[in-house]
Each structure stands twice: as C-alpha cells, then as structure tokens.
Amino acid sequence: MKTLSRYIAREVVAASALVLVALLLLLIFYDFLQELASLRQLNAAQFFILAAATVPSSFYELAPIAALIGTLFALAQLAGNSEYAVMRTSGISALQIAGVVCGVGLVFAGMVFVVGEYVVPRSEQVAQRIRAITGARPFIARAFQSGYWFKDGNTFINIASVLPDGSLRSIRVFEYANDVDLARTVVAERAVFQGGQQWQLERVTETRFDAQGVSAVVNATQLWNTVLTPSMLSVLQLAPEKLSLDGLIEYIGHLRANNQDSRRFESAMWGKFFYPLATCVLMLIAIPFAQIQQRAGGVAGRIFIGILLGLVFIIFNRLFSYLSLLYQWPPLLGAVMPSMLFLTVAAAMTWRIERR
C-alpha cells in the first residue's frame, strides 16, 4: 500500500503542479495586457516588479482550483491506463485513495496558508505602491506602524487609518515653508471627504510658526484642501482577504473599540483558515469521477468538470461571504459553509461508490 500511496501522490502532485503553472502563466499574461496602459508611467524594472508582485496573490487564489483539476487529470489518466481498476480489484478502497489524496491536499493547504499569510500581504503592498505612481498626480507614500505617510511637495501627511466608510482617523499635516523651516501643523481626530480634493476635518488643532512666534487655533471643524482623494487611498489599502491574520485581528479590535461594523474583516479572518483547507475538499470531490469508465474524450471531459466545479466553488465562496454580511450571519458560518457543502457532496458520492 505504501508503494501505491507514493505512486498516486506523485501523479497527483505532478498533475496539480503542471496545471498550476499553466494557470499562473495565463493569469500573468492577462495581467500583462491589463497593465500595458501603465507602461508610460513605469520603467521596465518597475513593471516587472509589479508583475512579479502579483504572482503570490494569483497562486493563493488558483492553488485550490489547480489541485482539483490536477487530481481529476491524474485519476483520469490512471483510469484510462486501467491502473485505477487494478488498484480497486486488488483490494484498495476508495476511502484509502481518499486518504492519500487528502494527505497531498493538506500539504497544498499548508503551502496556500503560508503564502496567503506571509507572502501575499507584503507582495500586495509592493504592487499597490507601484500602482500609486501611475496616478494623475504621482505622490510618495509609505506605510509604517504609525499609519500611512504621504509627501506632496513640502507637505508631509500622516494618517493613522482609513475606516471602512472612507473616513480618516487621526490626521497630522506638517507643512514646510522651505526645506528646513516648518510653517504650520494641523492635527485632527477625523476627516470626511467632501468631494473634489476637499476634506472636512473634525476636532482640529492648527499651529502656525512665523516670525512673530507660535500661534495655535482650535476649531470644531475645518476644511482641508489636499491632493489626496479616496481613490488614491484605496490604492494603498489592501483588501481584507489579503491582510495577514495579525493585521486583521488588530483592525477588528480597532473597529470594535470604535463601535464600527467588523463583520467584513471577521469573515476575511475565518476565510484565512478555511480557504486553504478547501484544497483538500476540492481534491476529495475529484475521486468519485475516477469511477467513470474511460471513453473517447473522457480526460477532456473531466478537466472541463474540474474547471466547472472550481468556478462553482469560487461563486459559492463569494456568495456565502456576501450573504453572511447581508443577513448578518455569524462570519464563521459564511466562511465554512462552501467547504462543508462540497465536503458533504464528496463524502456522499464516495460512500455511494464504496457501497457498489
């Protein structure tokens, strides 16, 4: 059994890796076509860094689907060569084959989790910073523990965080008269976008530095004209699904402390655990299709089935995520339901085949 297990695992890994590479190349080519418009603002090095920075995110999204298609392809090849039938007649059960496939799936799930947790957040930050250069008015921006820092001419802007409603929290503006002399500072607790390039600051303290000395003015509200717009800020923000667990947990705590709705981020947090495990579920659902007798075009047909199942899983995964937000279901339920549905179908089909 150990020899057969290694043989099946090797075939599944090889086929899944081949499919994953093919899908990544297709997606990279598609992204290349999309980014052609930015070639005028980016040099060659920046463009290729941007292309490379999108690979981890693509791997994270495509790995479960590639594992499904690869497993279908490998088992279809074994069935076509009558190897699968020989294994079954020699006493190997579908449950034992499922155990081998599940072991391979756990390895893939571990890789998906590591890439999604440690690689994707950093690579996406690199990609977002490069995309910021392509704006109508390029600006310099960096993210630190103190929040986002922007430089626009002689003005430095620090924003602690951008809330889900688009408002800004804890804004500090440092405006220099020249390269050395500080002209004024503006500190506000909150900012709300008013349109154009204008924000309304709330609970503002403005301090001016001039030849007469230092003067400070405190206002309940104050208008602020700046190059920054919500679209520019959204370029630097990562989608919740692309944040690390530490970042999600910290932001959820911040939203709860400020009585903000945190379900969107809680759903993304649970998805960080269950999306990688969906790799195992999708690979298990491929096993029942290996029982179908090989016919002309059988391999192509099963690959088509794999693509179709992958698309259905993606649709279900997003659908339940949206439904959990719309109907205020527990975020854990929205994250786990797609995998549970597919696991139930896989278990029922495998049990039915084993009974035969």
Protein backbone atom coordinates (compact mmCIF):
# COMPACT_ATOMS: atom_id res chain seq x y z
CA MET A 1 0.00 0.00 0.00
CA LYS A 2 2.89 2.38 0.72
CA THR A 3 4.21 1.98 -2.81
CA LEU A 4 0.78 2.62 -4.30
CA SER A 5 0.28 5.61 -2.00
CA ARG A 6 3.55 7.17 -3.11
CA TYR A 7 2.69 6.46 -6.76
CA ILE A 8 -0.77 8.06 -6.51
CA ALA A 9 0.60 11.02 -4.55
CA ARG A 10 3.38 11.56 -7.10
CA GLU A 11 0.92 11.53 -10.01
CA VAL A 12 -1.47 13.93 -8.26
CA VAL A 13 1.33 16.34 -7.27
CA ALA A 14 2.84 16.33 -10.77
CA ALA A 15 -0.50 16.95 -12.47
CA SER A 16 -1.54 19.65 -9.98
CA ALA A 17 1.80 21.45 -10.30
CA LEU A 18 1.55 21.36 -14.10
CA VAL A 19 -1.98 22.78 -14.04
CA LEU A 20 -0.99 25.45 -11.51
CA VAL A 21 1.94 26.63 -13.64
CA ALA A 22 -0.30 26.76 -16.72
CA LEU A 23 -2.98 28.78 -14.90
CA LEU A 24 -0.40 31.16 -13.43
CA LEU A 25 1.12 31.81 -16.85
CA LEU A 26 -2.32 32.52 -18.30
CA LEU A 27 -3.17 34.91 -15.47
CA ILE A 28 0.21 36.65 -15.67
CA PHE A 29 -0.32 37.18 -19.41
CA TYR A 30 -3.80 38.57 -18.72
CA ASP A 31 -2.40 40.92 -16.06
CA PHE A 32 0.31 41.97 -18.51
CA LEU A 33 -2.35 43.05 -21.00
CA GLN A 34 -4.20 44.96 -18.27
CA GLU A 35 -1.06 46.80 -17.12
CA LEU A 36 0.02 47.86 -20.63
CA ALA A 37 -1.60 51.26 -20.09
CA SER A 38 0.74 51.92 -17.14
CA LEU A 39 3.92 51.43 -19.19
CA ARG A 40 4.07 55.19 -19.85
CA GLN A 41 4.39 55.90 -16.11
CA LEU A 42 6.57 52.89 -15.16
CA ASN A 43 10.03 51.96 -16.27
CA ALA A 44 10.88 48.37 -17.22
CA ALA A 45 12.19 47.43 -13.76
CA GLN A 46 9.08 48.76 -12.01
CA PHE A 47 6.82 46.98 -14.48
CA PHE A 48 8.48 43.60 -13.97
CA ILE A 49 8.49 44.08 -10.18
CA LEU A 50 4.76 44.79 -10.40
CA ALA A 51 4.22 41.63 -12.47
CA ALA A 52 6.25 39.54 -10.00
CA ALA A 53 4.41 41.03 -7.02
CA THR A 54 1.07 39.78 -8.35
CA VAL A 55 2.23 36.14 -8.61
CA PRO A 56 1.76 35.22 -4.88
CA SER A 57 -1.80 36.53 -4.90
CA SER A 58 -2.55 34.57 -8.07
CA PHE A 59 -1.02 31.44 -6.53
CA TYR A 60 -3.19 31.86 -3.44
CA GLU A 61 -6.37 32.15 -5.49
CA LEU A 62 -5.59 29.46 -8.06
CA ALA A 63 -3.92 26.72 -5.98
CA PRO A 64 -7.16 25.03 -4.79
CA ILE A 65 -8.61 25.06 -8.31
CA ALA A 66 -5.36 23.75 -9.78
CA ALA A 67 -5.30 20.96 -7.19
CA LEU A 68 -8.85 19.97 -8.16
CA ILE A 69 -8.14 19.91 -11.90
CA GLY A 70 -4.78 18.19 -11.36
CA THR A 71 -6.38 15.45 -9.23
CA LEU A 72 -9.10 14.89 -11.82
CA PHE A 73 -6.49 14.71 -14.57
CA ALA A 74 -4.22 12.30 -12.64
CA LEU A 75 -7.06 9.95 -11.69
CA ALA A 76 -8.45 10.08 -15.22
CA GLN A 77 -5.04 9.03 -16.55
CA LEU A 78 -4.88 6.15 -14.07
CA ALA A 79 -8.38 5.06 -15.09
CA GLY A 80 -7.52 5.36 -18.77
CA ASN A 81 -4.50 3.08 -18.32
CA SER A 82 -6.63 0.62 -16.31
CA GLU A 83 -4.34 1.21 -13.31
CA TYR A 84 -7.18 2.51 -11.20
CA ALA A 85 -9.29 -0.58 -11.93
CA VAL A 86 -6.38 -2.85 -10.98
CA MET A 87 -5.95 -0.97 -7.69
CA ARG A 88 -9.63 -1.37 -6.84
CA THR A 89 -9.78 -5.06 -7.74
CA SER A 90 -6.64 -5.71 -5.68
CA GLY A 91 -8.48 -4.52 -2.57
CA ILE A 92 -7.68 -0.79 -2.42
CA SER A 93 -10.82 1.03 -1.29
CA ALA A 94 -11.97 4.46 -2.35
CA LEU A 95 -11.51 5.58 1.26
CA GLN A 96 -7.83 4.58 1.19
CA ILE A 97 -7.33 6.52 -2.04
CA ALA A 98 -9.17 9.44 -0.44
CA GLY A 99 -6.72 9.28 2.47
CA VAL A 100 -3.75 9.55 0.09
CA VAL A 101 -5.35 12.43 -1.80
CA CYS A 102 -6.25 14.17 1.47
CA GLY A 103 -2.62 13.88 2.63
CA VAL A 104 -1.45 15.58 -0.55
CA GLY A 105 -4.22 18.15 -0.11
CA LEU A 106 -3.02 19.00 3.39
CA VAL A 107 0.45 19.73 2.01
CA PHE A 108 -1.08 22.01 -0.63
CA ALA A 109 -3.27 23.63 2.05
CA GLY A 110 -0.20 24.35 4.17
CA MET A 111 1.52 26.00 1.21
CA VAL A 112 -1.58 28.07 0.45
CA PHE A 113 -1.84 29.20 4.09
CA VAL A 114 1.85 30.18 4.30
CA VAL A 115 1.71 32.12 1.02
CA GLY A 116 -1.55 33.84 1.99
CA GLU A 117 -0.34 34.73 5.49
CA TYR A 118 3.26 35.79 4.92
CA VAL A 119 3.86 36.44 1.21
CA VAL A 120 0.66 37.93 -0.21
CA PRO A 121 0.35 40.90 2.24
CA ARG A 122 3.92 42.02 1.54
CA SER A 123 3.81 41.47 -2.22
CA GLU A 124 0.48 43.29 -2.47
CA GLN A 125 1.90 46.28 -0.60
CA VAL A 126 4.73 46.43 -3.14
CA ALA A 127 2.25 46.20 -6.02
CA GLN A 128 -0.01 48.89 -4.55
CA ARG A 129 2.88 51.31 -4.04
CA ILE A 130 3.99 50.88 -7.64
CA ARG A 131 0.42 51.38 -8.90
CA ALA A 132 0.26 54.63 -6.92
CA ILE A 133 2.92 56.03 -9.25
CA THR A 134 0.52 55.76 -12.19
CA GLY A 135 -1.95 58.29 -10.76
CA ALA A 136 -2.78 61.56 -12.45
CA ARG A 137 -0.58 63.37 -9.89
CA PRO A 138 2.05 60.99 -8.54
CA PHE A 139 2.78 61.20 -4.83
CA ILE A 140 5.14 59.42 -2.48
CA ALA A 141 3.56 57.16 0.11
CA ARG A 142 4.77 54.68 2.72
CA ALA A 143 3.04 52.57 5.37
CA PHE A 144 4.53 52.28 8.86
CA GLN A 145 3.28 51.28 12.29
CA SER A 146 2.18 54.89 12.80
CA GLY A 147 -0.03 54.65 9.71
CA TYR A 148 0.26 55.99 6.16
CA TRP A 149 2.77 58.72 5.37
CA PHE A 150 2.43 60.87 2.24
CA LYS A 151 4.70 63.52 0.75
CA ASP A 152 3.32 66.13 -1.63
CA GLY A 153 5.88 68.83 -2.32
CA ASN A 154 6.84 70.42 1.03
CA THR A 155 3.87 68.87 2.83
CA PHE A 156 4.02 65.66 4.86
CA ILE A 157 0.79 63.92 5.84
CA ASN A 158 0.29 61.14 8.38
CA ILE A 159 -2.98 59.18 8.54
CA ALA A 160 -3.34 56.58 11.28
CA SER A 161 -6.01 54.53 9.49
CA VAL A 162 -8.71 54.62 6.84
CA LEU A 163 -12.06 53.40 8.16
CA PRO A 164 -14.43 51.19 6.10
CA ASP A 165 -16.77 54.15 5.43
CA GLY A 166 -13.90 56.03 3.75
CA SER A 167 -13.30 58.50 6.56
CA LEU A 168 -9.83 59.06 8.01
CA ARG A 169 -8.77 58.73 11.63
CA SER A 170 -6.02 60.70 13.39
CA ILE A 171 -4.59 63.05 10.74
CA ARG A 172 -1.40 65.05 11.12
CA VAL A 173 -0.19 67.54 8.49
CA PHE A 174 3.31 69.08 8.51
CA GLU A 175 3.73 71.94 6.03
CA TYR A 176 7.21 73.39 5.45
CA ALA A 177 7.92 76.88 4.14
CA ASN A 178 11.17 75.56 2.64
CA ASP A 179 13.42 72.54 3.06
CA VAL A 180 14.13 73.41 6.72
CA ASP A 181 11.55 75.75 8.27
CA LEU A 182 8.23 74.33 9.48
CA ALA A 183 5.38 76.70 8.57
CA ARG A 184 2.40 75.01 10.23
CA THR A 185 0.98 71.79 11.59
CA VAL A 186 -2.60 70.56 11.55
CA VAL A 187 -3.80 67.79 13.86
CA ALA A 188 -7.34 66.40 13.54
CA GLU A 189 -9.14 63.42 15.02
CA ARG A 190 -11.23 62.65 11.92
CA ALA A 191 -11.67 63.67 8.27
CA VAL A 192 -14.65 63.14 5.96
CA PHE A 193 -14.37 63.54 2.17
CA GLN A 194 -16.48 66.38 0.74
CA GLY A 195 -15.75 65.99 -2.95
CA GLY A 196 -13.12 67.20 -5.38
CA GLN A 197 -9.93 67.38 -3.30
CA GLN A 198 -11.54 68.73 -0.16
CA TRP A 199 -11.98 67.09 3.24
CA GLN A 200 -13.73 68.28 6.38
CA LEU A 201 -11.55 67.91 9.45
CA GLU A 202 -13.14 67.43 12.88
CA ARG A 203 -11.69 68.49 16.25
CA VAL A 204 -8.79 70.35 14.69
CA THR A 205 -5.74 71.99 16.23
CA GLU A 206 -3.77 74.20 13.82
CA THR A 207 -0.37 75.56 14.87
CA ARG A 208 1.48 78.21 12.83
CA PHE A 209 5.19 79.08 13.02
CA ASP A 210 6.24 82.53 11.72
CA ALA A 211 8.48 85.48 12.58
CA GLN A 212 6.05 86.66 15.27
CA GLY A 213 6.24 83.34 17.09
CA VAL A 214 3.95 80.34 17.52
CA SER A 215 0.16 80.59 17.42
CA ALA A 216 -2.39 77.81 17.86
CA VAL A 217 -6.08 77.73 16.89
CA VAL A 218 -8.60 75.05 17.90
CA ASN A 219 -11.66 74.51 15.66
CA ALA A 220 -14.52 72.03 15.82
CA THR A 221 -14.38 71.64 12.01
CA GLN A 222 -12.12 72.92 9.27
CA LEU A 223 -11.90 72.40 5.51
CA TRP A 224 -8.71 70.83 4.19
CA ASN A 225 -7.61 71.01 0.56
CA THR A 226 -5.19 68.25 -0.42
CA VAL A 227 -4.09 66.14 -3.37
CA LEU A 228 -5.28 63.04 -1.53
CA THR A 229 -8.60 61.52 -2.59
CA PRO A 230 -10.39 58.31 -1.53
CA SER A 231 -9.35 56.66 -4.81
CA MET A 232 -5.68 57.36 -4.04
CA LEU A 233 -6.05 55.99 -0.53
CA SER A 234 -7.84 52.89 -1.78
CA VAL A 235 -4.82 52.15 -3.98
CA LEU A 236 -2.68 51.83 -0.85
CA GLN A 237 -5.22 49.79 1.09
CA LEU A 238 -5.22 46.02 0.89
CA ALA A 239 -8.43 44.06 0.59
CA PRO A 240 -9.29 42.31 3.87
CA GLU A 241 -8.64 38.90 2.25
CA LYS A 242 -5.05 39.97 1.51
CA LEU A 243 -4.20 41.14 5.00
CA SER A 244 -2.28 38.98 7.45
CA LEU A 245 -4.01 37.43 10.46
CA ASP A 246 -2.20 39.83 12.80
CA GLY A 247 -3.37 42.78 10.72
CA LEU A 248 -6.96 41.50 10.62
CA ILE A 249 -7.11 40.83 14.36
CA GLU A 250 -5.65 44.25 15.15
CA TYR A 251 -8.05 46.04 12.81
CA ILE A 252 -11.06 44.09 14.12
CA GLY A 253 -10.12 45.20 17.63
CA HIS A 254 -9.87 48.80 16.45
CA LEU A 255 -13.28 48.67 14.75
CA ARG A 256 -14.93 47.15 17.81
CA ALA A 257 -13.35 49.75 20.09
CA ASN A 258 -14.84 52.48 17.88
CA ASN A 259 -18.26 50.76 17.56
CA GLN A 260 -17.70 50.05 13.86
CA ASP A 261 -19.05 47.04 11.94
CA SER A 262 -16.24 44.46 11.90
CA ARG A 263 -18.09 41.52 10.25
CA ARG A 264 -16.41 42.10 6.87
CA PHE A 265 -13.00 41.67 8.44
CA GLU A 266 -14.10 38.81 10.70
CA SER A 267 -15.31 36.94 7.62
CA ALA A 268 -11.92 37.50 5.98
CA MET A 269 -10.17 36.28 9.15
CA TRP A 270 -12.08 32.98 9.20
CA GLY A 271 -11.51 32.65 5.46
CA LYS A 272 -7.76 32.66 6.11
CA PHE A 273 -8.25 29.33 7.91
CA PHE A 274 -10.88 27.62 5.78
CA TYR A 275 -9.88 28.69 2.27
CA PRO A 276 -6.60 26.66 2.37
CA LEU A 277 -8.48 23.64 3.76
CA ALA A 278 -10.83 23.89 0.78
CA THR A 279 -7.91 22.50 -1.24
CA CYS A 280 -8.41 19.11 0.45
CA VAL A 281 -12.17 19.26 -0.06
CA LEU A 282 -11.87 20.04 -3.77
CA MET A 283 -9.33 17.24 -4.27
CA LEU A 284 -11.61 14.75 -2.49
CA ILE A 285 -14.56 15.62 -4.70
CA ALA A 286 -12.46 14.56 -7.72
CA ILE A 287 -12.25 10.93 -6.55
CA PRO A 288 -15.79 9.78 -7.50
CA PHE A 289 -15.24 10.86 -11.10
CA ALA A 290 -12.41 8.33 -11.41
CA GLN A 291 -15.00 5.54 -11.26
CA ILE A 292 -16.47 6.53 -14.62
CA GLN A 293 -15.25 4.24 -17.38
CA GLN A 294 -12.82 5.85 -19.79
CA ARG A 295 -14.38 6.83 -23.09
CA ALA A 296 -13.27 8.91 -26.03
CA GLY A 297 -12.72 12.41 -24.77
CA GLY A 298 -13.01 11.28 -21.14
CA VAL A 299 -9.93 13.15 -19.93
CA ALA A 300 -11.00 16.41 -21.57
CA GLY A 301 -14.48 15.95 -20.16
CA ARG A 302 -13.18 15.51 -16.63
CA ILE A 303 -10.91 18.53 -16.94
CA PHE A 304 -13.97 20.51 -18.00
CA ILE A 305 -15.82 19.16 -14.96
CA GLY A 306 -12.89 20.25 -12.78
CA ILE A 307 -12.98 23.77 -14.17
CA LEU A 308 -16.75 23.88 -13.71
CA LEU A 309 -16.54 22.66 -10.10
CA GLY A 310 -13.79 25.19 -9.41
CA LEU A 311 -15.93 28.03 -10.74
CA VAL A 312 -18.91 26.82 -8.70
CA PHE A 313 -16.74 26.77 -5.57
CA ILE A 314 -15.49 30.33 -6.22
CA ILE A 315 -19.08 31.52 -6.75
CA PHE A 316 -20.29 29.76 -3.60
CA ASN A 317 -17.36 31.09 -1.59
CA ARG A 318 -18.13 34.69 -2.55
CA LEU A 319 -21.89 34.20 -2.38
CA PHE A 320 -21.88 32.97 1.22
CA SER A 321 -19.45 35.72 2.16
CA TYR A 322 -21.88 38.34 0.83
CA LEU A 323 -24.93 36.58 2.31
CA SER A 324 -23.32 36.48 5.75
CA LEU A 325 -22.86 40.26 5.58
CA LEU A 326 -26.29 40.91 4.09
CA TYR A 327 -28.28 38.78 6.53
CA GLN A 328 -25.87 39.28 9.47
CA TRP A 329 -24.99 35.61 9.78
CA PRO A 330 -22.04 34.71 12.02
CA PRO A 331 -18.86 35.34 9.94
CA LEU A 332 -17.64 31.82 10.77
CA LEU A 333 -20.73 30.35 9.08
CA GLY A 334 -20.17 32.28 5.86
CA ALA A 335 -16.53 31.14 5.72
CA VAL A 336 -17.11 27.46 6.43
CA MET A 337 -20.35 26.77 4.51
CA PRO A 338 -18.89 26.40 0.96
CA SER A 339 -16.28 23.87 2.14
CA MET A 340 -18.87 21.97 4.19
CA LEU A 341 -21.24 21.73 1.22
CA PHE A 342 -18.50 20.41 -1.08
CA LEU A 343 -17.23 18.04 1.61
CA THR A 344 -20.74 16.65 2.10
CA VAL A 345 -21.13 16.07 -1.64
CA ALA A 346 -17.70 14.40 -1.84
CA ALA A 347 -18.43 12.14 1.15
CA ALA A 348 -21.87 11.15 -0.19
CA MET A 349 -20.52 10.29 -3.65
CA THR A 350 -17.57 8.34 -2.23
CA TRP A 351 -19.85 6.41 0.15
CA ARG A 352 -22.21 5.55 -2.70
CA ILE A 353 -19.34 4.29 -4.83
CA GLU A 354 -17.94 2.24 -1.93
CA ARG A 355 -21.34 0.57 -1.45
CA ARG A 356 -21.25 -0.62 -5.04
